[in-house]
Amino acid sequence: MNIRDKQFAVIGLGRFGLSVCQELTDEGAQVLAVDVDEEKVKAAMNFSTQAIVANCTIEETVYELKLKDYDMVMIAIGEDINASILATLVAKESGAKSVWVKANDKYQVKILQKLGADHVIMPERDMGIRVARKMLDRRVLEFTELGSGLAMTEVVAGSSMMGMSIGQIELCQEEGVQVLGFKRGPNMTKAPSMETVLEIGDMLIVAGPQPVLTKQLKTLS
């Protein structure tokens, strides 16, 4: 499905929620922005398909929003933990297909997971992890958790990988690891041949068990 055919609902329009709305809209998605604060809703009108003042901790209100018709619901309520938990519970009970929730700490994460949240994020922690990984190894451009113990990352070939084929890289030999793509300059190849010989600056896009990727990426030099 094209991103322009997808519908997202963002509940909670603080800095994080507003940035999510803006990014989704910039990518061409249909976005419903919701908050109890009228001023925040007015701000969201500039970059969302529809902006509504509503209290999503109330079951009747959520059913009226028909969140089950949306591809994904992001609950980005800030400091009010009780409101975040209630909104998550009500959204799940309303039949929402996929509910992502912003959490403030690990205790809230546990509660939200028990309530059935499909994905729980801690923006400051997650950003800190990504920044730290890039600081430790500039060749690793991104590390994305996919759920179920899987992850995806992009790795730039360094001098030690020059002249080796993709299949000779230890990372690519690990069980469960798949090479999804290969990029050299402006050219991108999906599912490249394992015989492809690497040059400095080539990029590999790989996916596999998160512990395996984490361990192997530490050995790359």
C-alpha atoms as a PDB file:
ATOM      1  CA  MET A   1       0.000   0.000   0.000  1.00  0.00           C
ATOM      2  CA  ASN A   2       1.315   3.426  -0.939  1.00  0.00           C
ATOM      3  CA  ILE A   3       1.973   5.817   1.960  1.00  0.00           C
ATOM      4  CA  ARG A   4      -0.580   8.194   0.439  1.00  0.00           C
ATOM      5  CA  ASP A   5      -3.252   5.539   0.918  1.00  0.00           C
ATOM      6  CA  LYS A   6      -2.495   5.073   4.603  1.00  0.00           C
ATOM      7  CA  GLN A   7      -4.290   6.753   7.478  1.00  0.00           C
ATOM      8  CA  PHE A   8      -2.697   7.582  10.817  1.00  0.00           C
ATOM      9  CA  ALA A   9      -4.134   9.003  14.033  1.00  0.00           C
ATOM     10  CA  VAL A  10      -1.895  10.865  16.464  1.00  0.00           C
ATOM     11  CA  ILE A  11      -3.311  11.407  19.952  1.00  0.00           C
ATOM     12  CA  GLY A  12      -1.419  13.958  22.031  1.00  0.00           C
ATOM     13  CA  LEU A  13       0.044  17.014  20.337  1.00  0.00           C
ATOM     14  CA  GLY A  14       3.067  17.974  22.378  1.00  0.00           C
ATOM     15  CA  ARG A  15       6.396  18.510  20.618  1.00  0.00           C
ATOM     16  CA  PHE A  16       6.759  14.802  19.891  1.00  0.00           C
ATOM     17  CA  GLY A  17       3.193  14.321  18.666  1.00  0.00           C
ATOM     18  CA  LEU A  18       3.325  17.407  16.461  1.00  0.00           C
ATOM     19  CA  SER A  19       6.617  16.313  14.907  1.00  0.00           C
ATOM     20  CA  VAL A  20       5.106  12.894  14.131  1.00  0.00           C
ATOM     21  CA  CYS A  21       2.095  14.575  12.494  1.00  0.00           C
ATOM     22  CA  GLN A  22       4.289  16.840  10.404  1.00  0.00           C
ATOM     23  CA  GLU A  23       6.601  14.060   9.219  1.00  0.00           C
ATOM     24  CA  LEU A  24       3.699  11.780   8.263  1.00  0.00           C
ATOM     25  CA  THR A  25       1.966  14.600   6.412  1.00  0.00           C
ATOM     26  CA  ASP A  26       5.175  15.570   4.618  1.00  0.00           C
ATOM     27  CA  GLU A  27       5.397  11.983   3.378  1.00  0.00           C
ATOM     28  CA  GLY A  28       1.887  12.252   1.953  1.00  0.00           C
ATOM     29  CA  ALA A  29      -0.057  10.230   4.539  1.00  0.00           C
ATOM     30  CA  GLN A  30      -3.543  11.058   5.803  1.00  0.00           C
ATOM     31  CA  VAL A  31      -3.250  12.226   9.419  1.00  0.00           C
ATOM     32  CA  LEU A  32      -5.846  12.774  12.142  1.00  0.00           C
ATOM     33  CA  ALA A  33      -4.449  14.924  14.978  1.00  0.00           C
ATOM     34  CA  VAL A  34      -6.198  14.793  18.370  1.00  0.00           C
ATOM     35  CA  ASP A  35      -5.689  16.565  21.695  1.00  0.00           C
ATOM     36  CA  VAL A  36      -7.757  17.928  24.592  1.00  0.00           C
ATOM     37  CA  ASP A  37      -5.995  21.290  24.249  1.00  0.00           C
ATOM     38  CA  GLU A  38      -7.671  23.511  21.658  1.00  0.00           C
ATOM     39  CA  GLU A  39      -4.525  25.608  21.093  1.00  0.00           C
ATOM     40  CA  LYS A  40      -2.469  22.519  20.280  1.00  0.00           C
ATOM     41  CA  VAL A  41      -5.145  21.329  17.882  1.00  0.00           C
ATOM     42  CA  LYS A  42      -5.091  24.701  16.132  1.00  0.00           C
ATOM     43  CA  ALA A  43      -1.327  24.366  15.716  1.00  0.00           C
ATOM     44  CA  ALA A  44      -1.752  20.907  14.192  1.00  0.00           C
ATOM     45  CA  MET A  45      -4.224  22.182  11.603  1.00  0.00           C
ATOM     46  CA  ASN A  46      -1.274  23.550   9.636  1.00  0.00           C
ATOM     47  CA  PHE A  47       0.117  20.108   8.886  1.00  0.00           C
ATOM     48  CA  SER A  48      -2.555  17.437   9.332  1.00  0.00           C
ATOM     49  CA  THR A  49      -5.499  16.240   7.285  1.00  0.00           C
ATOM     50  CA  GLN A  50      -7.896  16.733  10.168  1.00  0.00           C
ATOM     51  CA  ALA A  51      -7.418  18.102  13.696  1.00  0.00           C
ATOM     52  CA  ILE A  52      -9.955  17.492  16.459  1.00  0.00           C
ATOM     53  CA  VAL A  53     -10.358  18.503  20.104  1.00  0.00           C
ATOM     54  CA  ALA A  54     -11.258  15.306  21.960  1.00  0.00           C
ATOM     55  CA  ASN A  55     -10.559  13.386  25.153  1.00  0.00           C
ATOM     56  CA  CYS A  56      -9.378   9.936  24.099  1.00  0.00           C
ATOM     57  CA  THR A  57      -9.595   8.486  27.591  1.00  0.00           C
ATOM     58  CA  ILE A  58     -13.385   8.394  27.125  1.00  0.00           C
ATOM     59  CA  GLU A  59     -14.639   5.240  25.435  1.00  0.00           C
ATOM     60  CA  GLU A  60     -17.567   6.878  23.621  1.00  0.00           C
ATOM     61  CA  THR A  61     -15.293   9.570  22.161  1.00  0.00           C
ATOM     62  CA  VAL A  62     -12.814   7.039  20.812  1.00  0.00           C
ATOM     63  CA  TYR A  63     -15.548   4.991  19.162  1.00  0.00           C
ATOM     64  CA  GLU A  64     -16.821   8.148  17.473  1.00  0.00           C
ATOM     65  CA  LEU A  65     -13.329   8.739  16.045  1.00  0.00           C
ATOM     66  CA  LYS A  66     -13.481   5.256  14.438  1.00  0.00           C
ATOM     67  CA  LEU A  67      -9.838   4.524  15.198  1.00  0.00           C
ATOM     68  CA  LYS A  68     -10.322   0.967  13.933  1.00  0.00           C
ATOM     69  CA  ASP A  69     -10.396   2.405  10.416  1.00  0.00           C
ATOM     70  CA  TYR A  70      -6.841   3.768  10.734  1.00  0.00           C
ATOM     71  CA  ASP A  71      -3.721   1.829   9.783  1.00  0.00           C
ATOM     72  CA  MET A  72      -1.928   2.959  12.913  1.00  0.00           C
ATOM     73  CA  VAL A  73      -2.644   4.979  16.045  1.00  0.00           C
ATOM     74  CA  MET A  74       0.138   6.818  17.861  1.00  0.00           C
ATOM     75  CA  ILE A  75      -0.621   7.778  21.457  1.00  0.00           C
ATOM     76  CA  ALA A  76       1.846  10.546  22.235  1.00  0.00           C
ATOM     77  CA  ILE A  77       0.352  11.893  25.452  1.00  0.00           C
ATOM     78  CA  GLY A  78       3.158  13.482  27.468  1.00  0.00           C
ATOM     79  CA  GLU A  79       3.418  13.715  31.234  1.00  0.00           C
ATOM     80  CA  ASP A  80      -0.086  12.494  32.116  1.00  0.00           C
ATOM     81  CA  ILE A  81       0.719   8.802  32.527  1.00  0.00           C
ATOM     82  CA  ASN A  82      -2.816   7.871  33.596  1.00  0.00           C
ATOM     83  CA  ALA A  83      -4.273   9.494  30.475  1.00  0.00           C
ATOM     84  CA  SER A  84      -1.746   7.677  28.296  1.00  0.00           C
ATOM     85  CA  ILE A  85      -2.609   4.323  29.859  1.00  0.00           C
ATOM     86  CA  LEU A  86      -6.364   4.900  29.613  1.00  0.00           C
ATOM     87  CA  ALA A  87      -6.112   6.079  26.002  1.00  0.00           C
ATOM     88  CA  THR A  88      -4.110   2.963  25.122  1.00  0.00           C
ATOM     89  CA  LEU A  89      -6.638   0.670  26.757  1.00  0.00           C
ATOM     90  CA  VAL A  90      -9.596   2.380  25.087  1.00  0.00           C
ATOM     91  CA  ALA A  91      -7.885   2.432  21.685  1.00  0.00           C
ATOM     92  CA  LYS A  92      -7.142  -1.293  21.854  1.00  0.00           C
ATOM     93  CA  GLU A  93     -10.677  -2.087  22.965  1.00  0.00           C
ATOM     94  CA  SER A  94     -12.075   0.012  20.119  1.00  0.00           C
ATOM     95  CA  GLY A  95     -10.434  -2.349  17.637  1.00  0.00           C
ATOM     96  CA  ALA A  96      -7.500  -0.184  16.493  1.00  0.00           C
ATOM     97  CA  LYS A  97      -5.284  -2.289  14.228  1.00  0.00           C
ATOM     98  CA  SER A  98      -1.918  -1.124  15.540  1.00  0.00           C
ATOM     99  CA  VAL A  99      -1.328   1.059  18.579  1.00  0.00           C
ATOM    100  CA  TRP A 100       2.046   2.708  19.186  1.00  0.00           C
ATOM    101  CA  VAL A 101       2.569   4.533  22.468  1.00  0.00           C
ATOM    102  CA  LYS A 102       5.116   7.028  23.778  1.00  0.00           C
ATOM    103  CA  ALA A 103       6.346   6.118  27.259  1.00  0.00           C
ATOM    104  CA  ASN A 104       8.294   8.139  29.812  1.00  0.00           C
ATOM    105  CA  ASP A 105      10.032   5.339  31.719  1.00  0.00           C
ATOM    106  CA  LYS A 106      10.539   1.581  31.853  1.00  0.00           C
ATOM    107  CA  TYR A 107       7.715   1.091  34.357  1.00  0.00           C
ATOM    108  CA  GLN A 108       5.221   2.705  32.017  1.00  0.00           C
ATOM    109  CA  VAL A 109       6.594   0.537  29.214  1.00  0.00           C
ATOM    110  CA  LYS A 110       5.753  -2.621  31.175  1.00  0.00           C
ATOM    111  CA  ILE A 111       2.212  -1.445  31.887  1.00  0.00           C
ATOM    112  CA  LEU A 112       1.581  -0.466  28.270  1.00  0.00           C
ATOM    113  CA  GLN A 113       2.878  -3.797  27.020  1.00  0.00           C
ATOM    114  CA  LYS A 114       0.550  -5.641  29.381  1.00  0.00           C
ATOM    115  CA  LEU A 115      -2.334  -3.582  28.004  1.00  0.00           C
ATOM    116  CA  GLY A 116      -1.512  -4.841  24.537  1.00  0.00           C
ATOM    117  CA  ALA A 117       0.297  -1.858  22.993  1.00  0.00           C
ATOM    118  CA  ASP A 118       1.801  -3.074  19.725  1.00  0.00           C
ATOM    119  CA  HIS A 119       4.922  -0.941  20.059  1.00  0.00           C
ATOM    120  CA  VAL A 120       6.170   1.223  22.918  1.00  0.00           C
ATOM    121  CA  ILE A 121       8.824   3.860  22.376  1.00  0.00           C
ATOM    122  CA  MET A 122      10.877   6.055  24.684  1.00  0.00           C
ATOM    123  CA  PRO A 123      11.984   8.859  22.324  1.00  0.00           C
ATOM    124  CA  GLU A 124      14.837  10.239  24.426  1.00  0.00           C
ATOM    125  CA  ARG A 125      16.232   6.785  25.198  1.00  0.00           C
ATOM    126  CA  ASP A 126      15.871   5.547  21.623  1.00  0.00           C
ATOM    127  CA  MET A 127      17.526   8.662  20.232  1.00  0.00           C
ATOM    128  CA  GLY A 128      20.311   8.357  22.783  1.00  0.00           C
ATOM    129  CA  ILE A 129      20.961   4.767  21.729  1.00  0.00           C
ATOM    130  CA  ARG A 130      21.105   5.710  18.039  1.00  0.00           C
ATOM    131  CA  VAL A 131      23.450   8.623  18.700  1.00  0.00           C
ATOM    132  CA  ALA A 132      25.731   6.495  20.901  1.00  0.00           C
ATOM    133  CA  ARG A 133      25.939   3.791  18.239  1.00  0.00           C
ATOM    134  CA  LYS A 134      26.912   6.342  15.624  1.00  0.00           C
ATOM    135  CA  MET A 135      29.501   7.842  17.974  1.00  0.00           C
ATOM    136  CA  LEU A 136      31.027   4.405  18.576  1.00  0.00           C
ATOM    137  CA  ASP A 137      31.071   3.408  14.912  1.00  0.00           C
ATOM    138  CA  ARG A 138      30.457   5.990  12.215  1.00  0.00           C
ATOM    139  CA  ARG A 139      30.153   3.211   9.614  1.00  0.00           C
ATOM    140  CA  VAL A 140      26.898   2.026  11.179  1.00  0.00           C
ATOM    141  CA  LEU A 141      24.354   4.536   9.924  1.00  0.00           C
ATOM    142  CA  GLU A 142      21.186   3.233  11.576  1.00  0.00           C
ATOM    143  CA  PHE A 143      19.971   0.386  13.770  1.00  0.00           C
ATOM    144  CA  THR A 144      16.231  -0.244  13.739  1.00  0.00           C
ATOM    145  CA  GLU A 145      14.422  -2.703  15.996  1.00  0.00           C
ATOM    146  CA  LEU A 146      11.778  -4.637  14.033  1.00  0.00           C
ATOM    147  CA  GLY A 147      10.202  -6.492  16.933  1.00  0.00           C
ATOM    148  CA  SER A 148      10.241 -10.242  17.723  1.00  0.00           C
ATOM    149  CA  GLY A 149      13.965  -9.989  18.392  1.00  0.00           C
ATOM    150  CA  LEU A 150      14.801  -8.820  14.868  1.00  0.00           C
ATOM    151  CA  ALA A 151      16.584  -5.683  13.723  1.00  0.00           C
ATOM    152  CA  MET A 152      17.793  -3.990  10.559  1.00  0.00           C
ATOM    153  CA  THR A 153      20.890  -1.904   9.986  1.00  0.00           C
ATOM    154  CA  GLU A 154      22.924  -0.204   7.289  1.00  0.00           C
ATOM    155  CA  VAL A 155      26.684  -0.748   7.268  1.00  0.00           C
ATOM    156  CA  VAL A 156      29.276   1.081   5.207  1.00  0.00           C
ATOM    157  CA  ALA A 157      32.216  -1.021   4.010  1.00  0.00           C
ATOM    158  CA  GLY A 158      35.504   0.020   5.593  1.00  0.00           C
ATOM    159  CA  SER A 159      39.073  -0.700   4.503  1.00  0.00           C
ATOM    160  CA  SER A 160      39.082  -4.180   6.079  1.00  0.00           C
ATOM    161  CA  MET A 161      36.147  -5.218   3.884  1.00  0.00           C
ATOM    162  CA  MET A 162      37.611  -3.922   0.634  1.00  0.00           C
ATOM    163  CA  GLY A 163      38.130  -6.724  -1.895  1.00  0.00           C
ATOM    164  CA  MET A 164      35.965  -9.209   0.001  1.00  0.00           C
ATOM    165  CA  SER A 165      32.733 -10.545  -1.435  1.00  0.00           C
ATOM    166  CA  ILE A 166      29.511  -9.973   0.488  1.00  0.00           C
ATOM    167  CA  GLY A 167      29.376 -13.703   1.211  1.00  0.00           C
ATOM    168  CA  GLN A 168      32.809 -13.586   2.852  1.00  0.00           C
ATOM    169  CA  ILE A 169      31.739 -11.025   5.459  1.00  0.00           C
ATOM    170  CA  GLU A 170      31.260 -12.849   8.764  1.00  0.00           C
ATOM    171  CA  LEU A 171      28.157 -10.830   9.534  1.00  0.00           C
ATOM    172  CA  CYS A 172      26.500 -12.098   6.347  1.00  0.00           C
ATOM    173  CA  GLN A 173      27.345 -15.712   7.201  1.00  0.00           C
ATOM    174  CA  GLU A 174      25.431 -15.724  10.478  1.00  0.00           C
ATOM    175  CA  GLU A 175      22.280 -17.834  10.659  1.00  0.00           C
ATOM    176  CA  GLY A 176      19.140 -15.763  10.168  1.00  0.00           C
ATOM    177  CA  VAL A 177      20.962 -12.734   8.726  1.00  0.00           C
ATOM    178  CA  GLN A 178      19.793 -11.587   5.303  1.00  0.00           C
ATOM    179  CA  VAL A 179      21.303  -8.997   3.003  1.00  0.00           C
ATOM    180  CA  LEU A 180      18.339  -6.949   1.830  1.00  0.00           C
ATOM    181  CA  GLY A 181      20.153  -4.420  -0.311  1.00  0.00           C
ATOM    182  CA  PHE A 182      23.457  -3.135  -1.649  1.00  0.00           C
ATOM    183  CA  LYS A 183      24.265   0.466  -2.581  1.00  0.00           C
ATOM    184  CA  ARG A 184      27.261   1.768  -4.499  1.00  0.00           C
ATOM    185  CA  GLY A 185      27.145   5.460  -5.276  1.00  0.00           C
ATOM    186  CA  PRO A 186      23.655   6.281  -6.564  1.00  0.00           C
ATOM    187  CA  ASN A 187      22.912   2.688  -7.588  1.00  0.00           C
ATOM    188  CA  MET A 188      20.808   0.463  -5.332  1.00  0.00           C
ATOM    189  CA  THR A 189      20.483  -3.328  -5.767  1.00  0.00           C
ATOM    190  CA  LYS A 190      17.905  -5.453  -3.972  1.00  0.00           C
ATOM    191  CA  ALA A 191      18.988  -8.905  -2.752  1.00  0.00           C
ATOM    192  CA  PRO A 192      22.509  -8.622  -4.250  1.00  0.00           C
ATOM    193  CA  SER A 193      24.657 -11.586  -5.237  1.00  0.00           C
ATOM    194  CA  MET A 194      26.864 -12.897  -2.446  1.00  0.00           C
ATOM    195  CA  GLU A 195      29.697 -12.841  -5.000  1.00  0.00           C
ATOM    196  CA  THR A 196      29.596  -9.029  -5.223  1.00  0.00           C
ATOM    197  CA  VAL A 197      33.058  -7.668  -4.344  1.00  0.00           C
ATOM    198  CA  LEU A 198      33.033  -4.725  -1.942  1.00  0.00           C
ATOM    199  CA  GLU A 199      34.726  -1.376  -2.295  1.00  0.00           C
ATOM    200  CA  ILE A 200      35.257   1.228   0.429  1.00  0.00           C
ATOM    201  CA  GLY A 201      32.081   3.231   0.853  1.00  0.00           C
ATOM    202  CA  ASP A 202      29.700   0.520  -0.363  1.00  0.00           C
ATOM    203  CA  MET A 203      26.611   0.167   1.810  1.00  0.00           C
ATOM    204  CA  LEU A 204      24.958  -3.071   2.916  1.00  0.00           C
ATOM    205  CA  ILE A 205      21.429  -3.217   4.306  1.00  0.00           C
ATOM    206  CA  VAL A 206      21.078  -6.286   6.502  1.00  0.00           C
ATOM    207  CA  ALA A 207      18.417  -7.722   8.801  1.00  0.00           C
ATOM    208  CA  GLY A 208      18.479 -10.537  11.325  1.00  0.00           C
ATOM    209  CA  PRO A 209      18.404 -11.446  15.033  1.00  0.00           C
ATOM    210  CA  GLN A 210      19.226  -8.352  17.053  1.00  0.00           C
ATOM    211  CA  PRO A 211      21.795 -10.037  19.370  1.00  0.00           C
ATOM    212  CA  VAL A 212      23.665 -11.393  16.355  1.00  0.00           C
ATOM    213  CA  LEU A 213      23.747  -8.039  14.578  1.00  0.00           C
ATOM    214  CA  THR A 214      24.831  -6.223  17.724  1.00  0.00           C
ATOM    215  CA  LYS A 215      27.663  -8.683  18.355  1.00  0.00           C
ATOM    216  CA  GLN A 216      28.895  -8.729  14.770  1.00  0.00           C
ATOM    217  CA  LEU A 217      28.775  -4.960  14.285  1.00  0.00           C
ATOM    218  CA  LYS A 218      31.179  -4.566  17.224  1.00  0.00           C
ATOM    219  CA  THR A 219      33.752  -6.675  15.367  1.00  0.00           C
ATOM    220  CA  LEU A 220      33.686  -4.654  12.150  1.00  0.00           C
ATOM    221  CA  SER A 221      36.639  -2.345  11.651  1.00  0.00           C
END
